[in-house]
Amino acid sequence: MARNQVQPHATRPPGPGGHWLLGNIPEFRRDPLGYLEHTVDEYGDVVELRAGPQRAVLLRHPDDVQHVLQTSHTDYPKRSKLLDRLGLVLGEGLVNSEGDLWRRQRTRVAPFFHSQRFKNYTSTMVDETRSTMDSWEPVASEGGTLDVCEEMMGLAFRVVGKTLFGADMTEETSAARESIGVLEQQTNDRFLEWLAPPLWVPTKENRSFRRALEKLDGIVLRLIERSRREPSVQSGVVRALVEAAKTDPELTDKLIRDETVTLLLAGHENTGNAIAWVWYMIMKHPDVLSRIEGELSEVLGGRPPRESDVASLEYTRMVVDETLRLYPPGWMMVRNASKEDRIRDYRIAPGSWMLISQYLVHRHPEFWPDPDRFVPERFSKARRTSQHPFSYIPFGAGPRKCLGARFATIEMVLVIASIAQRYRLHPVFDGDIVPDPFVALAPRGGLPVRLESRFSAN
């Protein structure tokens, strides 16, 4: 019998009991990652949860993930009431859109992630990293500290501005980051609240959300207007969308705004958090830092890294990949079962939310022995070829895999390489940093460090 044919004897997946009204929301809210880990440890790779009256099915096995994201992806659209809460910020951008609209948007944006553009992109990534390091010199010389997580966010924000939008957004960084912080916190709260009040209700939180959204929209709308006003100055995605709108009446200003906000947030938030997690793992493993520094000396010989060096920085790339395994910035994907299905021996009811947590998939003991241990060698060329293709999905998988996966990975390698040439980072915190499952998986409380200059600036 075909996998998606429901057998008469198929049963509902096992799962924990919960509150008579709220279901499993209270336990999930207290410790999202810990609760999900506990449920799969107790009930297995397919677990049914409840968010109020809504059924949700948590999947951990790569075979089942492949079924939902690839084999039967048309039966599991991305849009759901849960993700509609993201729409308050992202609108109908690539992350949220479906069907023909999503295909048209992806076709418009895809050329900006073509490999032919990467030479210019990588030069910008390195130049912006060097500018960031220059700004650190007074801190390093005075023995001060800084939050490397926030620094990497700002760096990634400026990289997105220059590469994808052709705009210097240095002056907008602080205001944009402040607004995004409010929007993320509020969006995260809405994810975890079953009865979140509509945005038009004038609560303190809603007023704060609307103010932050207006500030972010102001920054984005100025980008769009400048593309119209100065077409010879600005390039990139915004310029291309503005031009396309001249012959496509369906490409409204609202859609251009939504796509720009989506690329701005997805292009810097996940990458900034991911780079911060790489530094966290490097600081926890001095032997890893020694190997990275040795590789940089051998491959670069003291000069700045270039696009052509990325393939040769094999160990640095392995460190990045292993960090993304343990701390994937996108820690949860949601799909909506459009019709009845069967996964293993379990019936999937129409309308069920399908929860796929990269954080859990990346720790499946069948595919990742000693899963909580940091072992960059898991991603050596020899071992990479034997991995289940859906056991490692930091950028999603299937037709909706993130367009910017290669962009982000190259940026991470080049940023780590550039900074490690010039500084050593020392932790200014005790114990372990706890991951905070916001919209992106962030280090709770940031990542305070002390800088040690290795050499004089290049």
Protein backbone atom coordinates (compact mmCIF):
# COMPACT_ATOMS: atom_id res chain seq x y z
CA MET A 1 0.00 0.00 0.00
CA ALA A 2 1.32 3.47 -0.90
CA ARG A 3 2.64 5.51 1.99
CA ASN A 4 -0.04 8.19 1.75
CA GLN A 5 -2.95 5.77 1.63
CA VAL A 6 -4.55 5.59 5.05
CA GLN A 7 -4.98 2.07 6.35
CA PRO A 8 -8.27 1.35 8.09
CA HIS A 9 -6.48 0.35 11.28
CA ALA A 10 -4.18 3.40 11.39
CA THR A 11 -4.28 5.07 14.80
CA ARG A 12 -3.52 8.53 16.08
CA PRO A 13 0.11 9.11 17.09
CA PRO A 14 0.93 8.73 20.78
CA GLY A 15 1.52 11.81 22.86
CA PRO A 16 1.33 13.38 26.30
CA GLY A 17 -1.86 14.44 27.95
CA GLY A 18 -2.43 18.09 28.58
CA HIS A 19 -4.67 20.77 29.98
CA TRP A 20 -8.33 20.16 29.14
CA LEU A 21 -8.54 23.52 27.32
CA LEU A 22 -5.00 24.63 26.47
CA GLY A 23 -3.58 21.23 25.63
CA ASN A 24 0.23 21.15 25.81
CA ILE A 25 0.73 24.90 25.53
CA PRO A 26 1.57 25.51 29.23
CA GLU A 27 4.39 22.93 29.27
CA PHE A 28 5.69 24.10 25.90
CA ARG A 29 5.74 27.74 26.97
CA ARG A 30 7.85 26.97 30.07
CA ASP A 31 10.63 25.28 28.09
CA PRO A 32 9.97 24.81 24.36
CA LEU A 33 13.14 22.92 23.45
CA GLY A 34 13.29 20.87 26.61
CA TYR A 35 9.63 19.90 26.34
CA LEU A 36 9.97 18.80 22.71
CA GLU A 37 13.09 16.78 23.51
CA HIS A 38 11.28 15.11 26.39
CA THR A 39 8.26 14.18 24.26
CA VAL A 40 10.26 12.47 21.51
CA ASP A 41 12.40 10.68 24.08
CA GLU A 42 9.25 9.33 25.71
CA TYR A 43 6.92 8.77 22.76
CA GLY A 44 9.17 8.30 19.72
CA ASP A 45 9.63 9.92 16.34
CA VAL A 46 5.94 10.74 15.71
CA VAL A 47 4.16 12.52 18.57
CA GLU A 48 0.75 14.16 18.74
CA LEU A 49 0.44 17.37 20.71
CA ARG A 50 -2.41 19.82 21.23
CA ALA A 51 -2.39 23.59 21.02
CA GLY A 52 -5.81 24.30 22.46
CA PRO A 53 -8.22 22.41 20.18
CA GLN A 54 -5.64 22.28 17.39
CA ARG A 55 -3.86 18.98 16.72
CA ALA A 56 -0.14 19.14 16.02
CA VAL A 57 2.13 16.26 14.99
CA LEU A 58 5.81 16.48 15.88
CA LEU A 59 8.18 14.61 13.54
CA ARG A 60 11.82 13.75 14.20
CA HIS A 61 12.83 10.94 11.80
CA PRO A 62 14.45 12.11 8.53
CA ASP A 63 12.29 9.71 6.49
CA ASP A 64 9.13 11.35 7.78
CA VAL A 65 10.59 14.82 7.31
CA GLN A 66 11.37 13.92 3.70
CA HIS A 67 7.79 12.72 3.20
CA VAL A 68 6.34 16.06 4.34
CA LEU A 69 8.89 18.45 2.84
CA GLN A 70 9.59 16.70 -0.44
CA THR A 71 7.74 13.53 -1.43
CA SER A 72 4.25 14.80 -0.58
CA HIS A 73 4.99 18.50 -0.21
CA THR A 74 1.90 19.53 -2.19
CA ASP A 75 -0.25 17.89 0.50
CA TYR A 76 1.52 19.90 3.20
CA PRO A 77 1.38 23.62 2.35
CA LYS A 78 3.32 26.00 4.51
CA ARG A 79 0.54 28.43 5.28
CA SER A 80 -1.32 27.90 8.54
CA LYS A 81 -2.98 30.00 11.22
CA LEU A 82 0.21 29.66 13.25
CA LEU A 83 2.41 31.12 10.52
CA ASP A 84 -0.16 33.81 9.78
CA ARG A 85 1.17 35.45 12.94
CA LEU A 86 4.46 35.95 11.07
CA GLY A 87 2.44 37.68 8.39
CA LEU A 88 1.98 40.65 10.72
CA VAL A 89 5.63 41.47 9.96
CA LEU A 90 6.52 39.61 6.76
CA GLY A 91 3.24 39.95 4.91
CA GLU A 92 3.24 37.95 1.66
CA GLY A 93 7.01 37.66 1.29
CA LEU A 94 8.76 34.46 0.22
CA VAL A 95 8.58 32.92 3.68
CA ASN A 96 4.81 33.21 3.93
CA SER A 97 3.45 33.13 0.38
CA GLU A 98 2.07 30.05 -1.37
CA GLY A 99 1.24 28.75 -4.83
CA ASP A 100 1.66 30.89 -7.93
CA LEU A 101 2.55 34.00 -5.93
CA TRP A 102 5.38 32.15 -4.20
CA ARG A 103 6.67 30.75 -7.53
CA ARG A 104 6.68 34.20 -9.15
CA GLN A 105 8.46 35.73 -6.18
CA ARG A 106 11.08 33.00 -6.08
CA THR A 107 11.70 33.40 -9.80
CA ARG A 108 12.26 37.14 -9.36
CA VAL A 109 14.60 36.78 -6.39
CA ALA A 110 16.56 33.65 -7.39
CA PRO A 111 18.96 35.44 -9.81
CA PHE A 112 20.37 37.42 -6.89
CA PHE A 113 21.61 34.18 -5.32
CA HIS A 114 23.29 32.89 -8.48
CA SER A 115 26.93 31.89 -8.10
CA GLN A 116 28.01 34.49 -10.68
CA ARG A 117 27.17 37.25 -8.19
CA PHE A 118 29.15 35.78 -5.33
CA LYS A 119 32.51 37.30 -6.19
CA ASN A 120 31.14 40.78 -5.52
CA TYR A 121 29.16 39.56 -2.52
CA THR A 122 32.16 37.97 -0.86
CA SER A 123 34.27 41.10 -1.30
CA THR A 124 31.55 43.04 0.51
CA MET A 125 31.34 40.42 3.27
CA VAL A 126 35.08 40.68 3.94
CA ASP A 127 35.18 44.49 3.69
CA GLU A 128 32.27 44.90 6.10
CA THR A 129 33.88 42.45 8.53
CA ARG A 130 37.13 44.41 8.45
CA SER A 131 35.22 47.66 9.10
CA THR A 132 33.52 46.01 12.06
CA MET A 133 36.87 44.86 13.44
CA ASP A 134 38.30 48.37 13.02
CA SER A 135 35.50 49.64 15.24
CA TRP A 136 36.55 47.12 17.89
CA GLU A 137 40.09 48.45 18.25
CA PRO A 138 39.35 50.87 21.13
CA VAL A 139 37.50 48.12 22.99
CA ALA A 140 40.37 45.66 22.52
CA SER A 141 43.07 48.17 23.53
CA GLU A 142 41.20 49.14 26.69
CA GLY A 143 40.41 45.58 27.71
CA GLY A 144 36.69 46.18 27.38
CA THR A 145 33.93 43.79 26.42
CA LEU A 146 31.27 43.66 23.73
CA ASP A 147 28.30 41.48 22.81
CA VAL A 148 29.51 39.52 19.82
CA CYS A 149 25.95 38.35 19.08
CA GLU A 150 24.71 41.90 18.62
CA GLU A 151 27.87 42.77 16.68
CA MET A 152 27.32 39.89 14.27
CA MET A 153 23.67 40.93 13.82
CA GLY A 154 24.72 44.42 12.85
CA LEU A 155 27.41 43.11 10.53
CA ALA A 156 25.01 40.72 8.78
CA PHE A 157 22.44 43.54 8.47
CA ARG A 158 24.95 45.77 6.68
CA VAL A 159 26.06 42.91 4.43
CA VAL A 160 22.47 42.29 3.32
CA GLY A 161 21.99 45.99 2.67
CA LYS A 162 25.02 46.28 0.40
CA THR A 163 24.80 42.91 -1.36
CA LEU A 164 21.08 42.34 -1.93
CA PHE A 165 19.84 45.94 -1.87
CA GLY A 166 22.85 47.88 -3.14
CA ALA A 167 22.50 50.28 -0.22
CA ASP A 168 24.74 51.40 2.62
CA MET A 169 22.51 50.87 5.65
CA THR A 170 25.08 51.70 8.32
CA GLU A 171 23.08 54.65 9.64
CA GLU A 172 19.89 52.54 9.82
CA THR A 173 21.47 49.62 11.67
CA SER A 174 20.74 50.70 15.25
CA ALA A 175 17.16 51.85 14.60
CA ALA A 176 16.37 48.77 12.52
CA ARG A 177 17.86 46.38 15.05
CA GLU A 178 15.92 48.04 17.87
CA SER A 179 12.64 47.72 15.96
CA ILE A 180 13.37 44.15 14.93
CA GLY A 181 14.08 43.23 18.54
CA VAL A 182 10.63 44.43 19.60
CA LEU A 183 8.93 42.70 16.66
CA GLU A 184 10.72 39.42 17.35
CA GLN A 185 9.81 39.41 21.02
CA GLN A 186 6.20 40.22 20.28
CA THR A 187 5.99 37.67 17.45
CA ASN A 188 7.50 35.03 19.68
CA ASP A 189 4.94 35.80 22.39
CA ARG A 190 2.15 35.52 19.82
CA PHE A 191 3.44 32.12 18.73
CA LEU A 192 3.20 30.90 22.29
CA GLU A 193 -0.14 32.48 23.18
CA TRP A 194 -3.20 30.66 21.95
CA LEU A 195 -5.49 33.63 22.58
CA ALA A 196 -3.25 36.55 21.61
CA PRO A 197 -5.34 39.74 21.21
CA PRO A 198 -5.67 41.10 17.66
CA LEU A 199 -3.24 43.85 16.76
CA TRP A 200 -6.00 46.49 16.70
CA VAL A 201 -6.66 46.01 20.43
CA PRO A 202 -4.77 48.94 22.09
CA THR A 203 -2.78 46.94 24.62
CA LYS A 204 0.65 48.15 25.71
CA GLU A 205 2.29 45.33 23.77
CA ASN A 206 0.28 46.00 20.61
CA ARG A 207 1.12 49.71 20.68
CA SER A 208 4.81 48.86 21.02
CA PHE A 209 4.52 46.37 18.15
CA ARG A 210 2.85 48.89 15.85
CA ARG A 211 5.46 51.59 16.60
CA ALA A 212 8.31 49.16 15.86
CA LEU A 213 6.64 48.00 12.65
CA GLU A 214 6.14 51.59 11.50
CA LYS A 215 9.85 52.34 12.06
CA LEU A 216 10.94 49.25 10.14
CA ASP A 217 8.50 50.00 7.33
CA GLY A 218 9.85 53.54 7.15
CA ILE A 219 13.37 52.22 6.55
CA VAL A 220 12.17 49.79 3.88
CA LEU A 221 9.91 52.30 2.12
CA ARG A 222 12.81 54.75 1.89
CA LEU A 223 14.80 52.03 0.12
CA ILE A 224 11.96 51.51 -2.34
CA GLU A 225 11.49 55.24 -2.98
CA ARG A 226 15.20 55.74 -3.52
CA SER A 227 15.15 52.96 -6.13
CA ARG A 228 12.48 54.89 -8.01
CA ARG A 229 14.07 58.29 -7.53
CA GLU A 230 17.70 57.35 -8.21
CA PRO A 231 17.67 54.27 -10.48
CA SER A 232 21.31 54.75 -11.47
CA VAL A 233 22.49 54.71 -7.85
CA GLN A 234 20.71 51.76 -6.30
CA SER A 235 20.86 48.18 -7.51
CA GLY A 236 19.83 44.78 -6.18
CA VAL A 237 16.54 43.12 -5.36
CA VAL A 238 14.57 46.27 -4.55
CA ARG A 239 15.62 47.91 -7.80
CA ALA A 240 14.67 44.77 -9.76
CA LEU A 241 11.26 44.60 -8.10
CA VAL A 242 10.57 48.27 -8.76
CA GLU A 243 11.43 47.76 -12.43
CA ALA A 244 9.32 44.59 -12.68
CA ALA A 245 6.34 46.43 -11.20
CA LYS A 246 6.25 48.73 -14.24
CA THR A 247 4.98 45.84 -16.38
CA ASP A 248 3.36 43.67 -13.71
CA PRO A 249 0.31 45.30 -12.10
CA GLU A 250 0.10 42.47 -9.56
CA LEU A 251 3.47 43.50 -8.11
CA THR A 252 2.14 46.18 -5.80
CA ASP A 253 4.12 48.39 -3.44
CA LYS A 254 2.82 46.20 -0.61
CA LEU A 255 4.34 43.08 -2.19
CA ILE A 256 7.65 44.88 -2.82
CA ARG A 257 7.63 45.95 0.82
CA ASP A 258 6.85 42.39 1.99
CA GLU A 259 9.64 40.86 -0.08
CA THR A 260 12.15 43.46 1.07
CA VAL A 261 11.29 43.00 4.74
CA THR A 262 11.48 39.21 4.36
CA LEU A 263 14.93 39.31 2.77
CA LEU A 264 16.17 41.88 5.26
CA LEU A 265 15.06 39.88 8.29
CA ALA A 266 15.84 36.39 7.02
CA GLY A 267 19.10 37.55 5.47
CA HIS A 268 20.63 38.93 8.64
CA GLU A 269 18.80 37.55 11.69
CA ASN A 270 19.52 33.87 11.12
CA THR A 271 23.07 34.50 9.90
CA GLY A 272 23.94 36.83 12.78
CA ASN A 273 22.72 34.34 15.35
CA ALA A 274 24.50 31.47 13.60
CA ILE A 275 27.86 33.28 13.56
CA ALA A 276 27.46 34.05 17.26
CA TRP A 277 26.88 30.35 17.97
CA VAL A 278 30.05 29.48 16.02
CA TRP A 279 32.04 31.81 18.27
CA TYR A 280 30.44 30.24 21.31
CA MET A 281 31.54 26.77 20.21
CA ILE A 282 35.03 27.98 19.31
CA MET A 283 35.41 29.58 22.75
CA LYS A 284 34.32 26.35 24.40
CA HIS A 285 36.83 24.27 22.41
CA PRO A 286 40.35 25.80 22.34
CA ASP A 287 41.60 22.89 20.24
CA VAL A 288 39.14 23.90 17.52
CA LEU A 289 40.47 27.47 17.55
CA SER A 290 44.03 26.16 17.19
CA ARG A 291 43.06 24.12 14.12
CA ILE A 292 41.22 27.06 12.56
CA GLU A 293 44.19 29.37 13.09
CA GLY A 294 46.51 26.76 11.60
CA GLU A 295 44.30 26.39 8.54
CA LEU A 296 44.06 30.15 8.09
CA SER A 297 47.83 30.49 8.26
CA GLU A 298 48.31 27.71 5.71
CA VAL A 299 45.62 28.79 3.25
CA LEU A 300 45.74 32.58 3.56
CA GLY A 301 49.22 33.35 4.82
CA GLY A 302 48.01 36.54 6.48
CA ARG A 303 46.08 38.06 3.56
CA PRO A 304 42.29 38.62 3.68
CA PRO A 305 40.16 35.67 2.52
CA ARG A 306 38.57 35.63 -0.93
CA GLU A 307 35.74 33.70 -2.53
CA SER A 308 38.21 31.24 -4.05
CA ASP A 309 39.51 30.39 -0.55
CA VAL A 310 36.21 29.10 0.82
CA ALA A 311 36.64 25.62 -0.66
CA SER A 312 40.12 25.36 0.87
CA LEU A 313 38.98 26.40 4.35
CA GLU A 314 37.64 22.91 4.91
CA TYR A 315 37.98 22.72 8.68
CA THR A 316 36.47 26.17 9.20
CA ARG A 317 33.51 25.05 7.09
CA MET A 318 33.19 21.87 9.17
CA VAL A 319 33.05 23.97 12.34
CA VAL A 320 30.29 26.09 10.79
CA ASP A 321 28.30 23.03 9.71
CA GLU A 322 28.57 21.29 13.07
CA THR A 323 27.48 24.48 14.84
CA LEU A 324 24.46 24.71 12.54
CA ARG A 325 23.66 21.14 13.46
CA LEU A 326 23.59 21.88 17.18
CA TYR A 327 22.17 25.39 17.00
CA PRO A 328 20.15 25.81 13.79
CA PRO A 329 18.84 29.40 13.79
CA GLY A 330 15.62 28.21 12.18
CA TRP A 331 14.71 25.71 14.85
CA MET A 332 11.14 24.85 13.83
CA MET A 333 9.20 24.48 10.57
CA VAL A 334 5.43 24.21 10.37
CA ARG A 335 3.33 22.66 7.62
CA ASN A 336 -0.42 22.12 7.40
CA ALA A 337 -1.90 18.73 6.46
CA SER A 338 -4.36 19.56 3.68
CA LYS A 339 -5.86 16.07 3.64
CA GLU A 340 -5.78 12.80 5.52
CA ASP A 341 -2.50 10.94 5.34
CA ARG A 342 -0.52 8.18 7.02
CA ILE A 343 2.97 8.44 8.45
CA ARG A 344 4.32 5.09 9.58
CA ASP A 345 1.29 3.43 11.19
CA TYR A 346 -0.30 6.67 12.29
CA ARG A 347 -3.23 8.57 10.86
CA ILE A 348 -2.64 12.24 10.15
CA ALA A 349 -5.92 14.11 10.40
CA PRO A 350 -6.67 16.87 7.89
CA GLY A 351 -5.82 20.28 9.29
CA SER A 352 -3.10 18.98 11.60
CA TRP A 353 -0.08 21.18 12.09
CA MET A 354 3.08 19.26 11.19
CA LEU A 355 5.95 20.36 13.41
CA ILE A 356 9.47 19.66 12.16
CA SER A 357 12.15 20.83 14.54
CA GLN A 358 15.62 21.00 13.05
CA TYR A 359 16.90 21.11 16.63
CA LEU A 360 15.47 17.61 17.21
CA VAL A 361 16.19 16.14 13.77
CA HIS A 362 19.83 17.18 14.13
CA ARG A 363 20.02 15.28 17.40
CA HIS A 364 18.43 12.01 16.29
CA PRO A 365 20.71 9.38 17.87
CA GLU A 366 20.27 6.96 14.97
CA PHE A 367 21.88 9.46 12.60
CA TRP A 368 24.08 11.45 14.97
CA PRO A 369 25.91 9.28 17.56
CA ASP A 370 26.59 11.15 20.78
CA PRO A 371 24.38 13.90 19.36
CA ASP A 372 25.05 16.64 21.92
CA ARG A 373 28.82 16.47 21.45
CA PHE A 374 30.54 19.03 19.22
CA VAL A 375 32.44 17.06 16.55
CA PRO A 376 33.26 19.09 13.41
CA GLU A 377 34.71 15.98 11.76
CA ARG A 378 31.16 14.72 11.25
CA PHE A 379 31.17 17.00 8.21
CA SER A 380 34.35 15.85 6.55
CA LYS A 381 33.94 15.20 2.84
CA ALA A 382 34.07 11.44 3.36
CA ARG A 383 31.41 11.40 6.08
CA ARG A 384 29.17 14.02 4.50
CA THR A 385 28.33 11.76 1.53
CA SER A 386 26.93 9.05 3.82
CA GLN A 387 24.47 11.35 5.64
CA HIS A 388 20.74 10.95 5.17
CA PRO A 389 19.82 14.03 3.07
CA PHE A 390 17.09 15.01 5.52
CA SER A 391 19.05 14.40 8.71
CA TYR A 392 20.73 17.82 8.36
CA ILE A 393 18.39 20.62 7.31
CA PRO A 394 19.54 23.93 8.84
CA PHE A 395 18.14 25.82 5.84
CA GLY A 396 15.04 23.70 5.36
CA ALA A 397 14.66 21.15 2.57
CA GLY A 398 12.58 20.28 -0.44
CA PRO A 399 11.20 22.85 -2.91
CA ARG A 400 11.08 25.53 -0.21
CA LYS A 401 14.67 25.22 0.93
CA CYS A 402 16.09 28.65 1.69
CA LEU A 403 17.43 30.38 -1.42
CA GLY A 404 20.14 32.02 0.66
CA ALA A 405 21.68 28.83 2.07
CA ARG A 406 24.93 29.12 0.11
CA PHE A 407 25.06 32.88 0.65
CA ALA A 408 24.76 32.43 4.41
CA THR A 409 27.27 29.58 4.64
CA ILE A 410 29.92 31.45 2.65
CA GLU A 411 29.33 34.57 4.73
CA MET A 412 29.78 32.59 7.95
CA VAL A 413 33.05 31.04 6.78
CA LEU A 414 34.48 34.37 5.60
CA VAL A 415 33.44 36.26 8.74
CA ILE A 416 34.90 33.62 11.06
CA ALA A 417 38.11 33.46 8.99
CA SER A 418 38.53 37.24 8.90
CA ILE A 419 37.99 37.77 12.61
CA ALA A 420 40.06 34.76 13.69
CA GLN A 421 43.02 36.18 11.76
CA ARG A 422 42.97 39.33 13.87
CA TYR A 423 41.37 38.55 17.24
CA ARG A 424 40.89 35.86 19.81
CA LEU A 425 37.58 36.02 21.63
CA HIS A 426 37.42 35.14 25.31
CA PRO A 427 34.13 34.49 27.12
CA VAL A 428 32.88 36.92 29.74
CA PHE A 429 30.23 34.61 31.11
CA ASP A 430 30.08 31.61 33.40
CA GLY A 431 28.78 28.19 32.43
CA ASP A 432 26.81 27.42 29.31
CA ILE A 433 24.80 29.80 27.17
CA VAL A 434 21.19 28.67 26.88
CA PRO A 435 19.47 28.78 23.46
CA ASP A 436 16.39 30.97 23.34
CA PRO A 437 13.83 29.67 20.83
CA PHE A 438 12.65 32.99 19.44
CA VAL A 439 11.69 33.21 15.77
CA ALA A 440 15.39 32.38 15.35
CA LEU A 441 17.40 30.37 17.89
CA ALA A 442 19.37 33.00 19.76
CA PRO A 443 21.91 32.88 22.62
CA ARG A 444 19.94 33.92 25.71
CA GLY A 445 21.38 37.11 27.13
CA GLY A 446 23.69 37.63 24.18
CA LEU A 447 27.34 36.59 24.04
CA PRO A 448 29.64 38.96 25.97
CA VAL A 449 33.33 38.58 25.09
CA ARG A 450 36.70 40.15 25.68
CA LEU A 451 38.89 40.76 22.63
CA GLU A 452 42.55 39.89 22.35
CA SER A 453 44.40 41.28 19.35
CA ARG A 454 46.58 38.65 17.68
CA PHE A 455 48.44 40.95 15.33
CA SER A 456 48.30 44.54 14.24
CA ALA A 457 45.50 45.25 11.75
CA ASN A 458 46.22 44.12 8.16
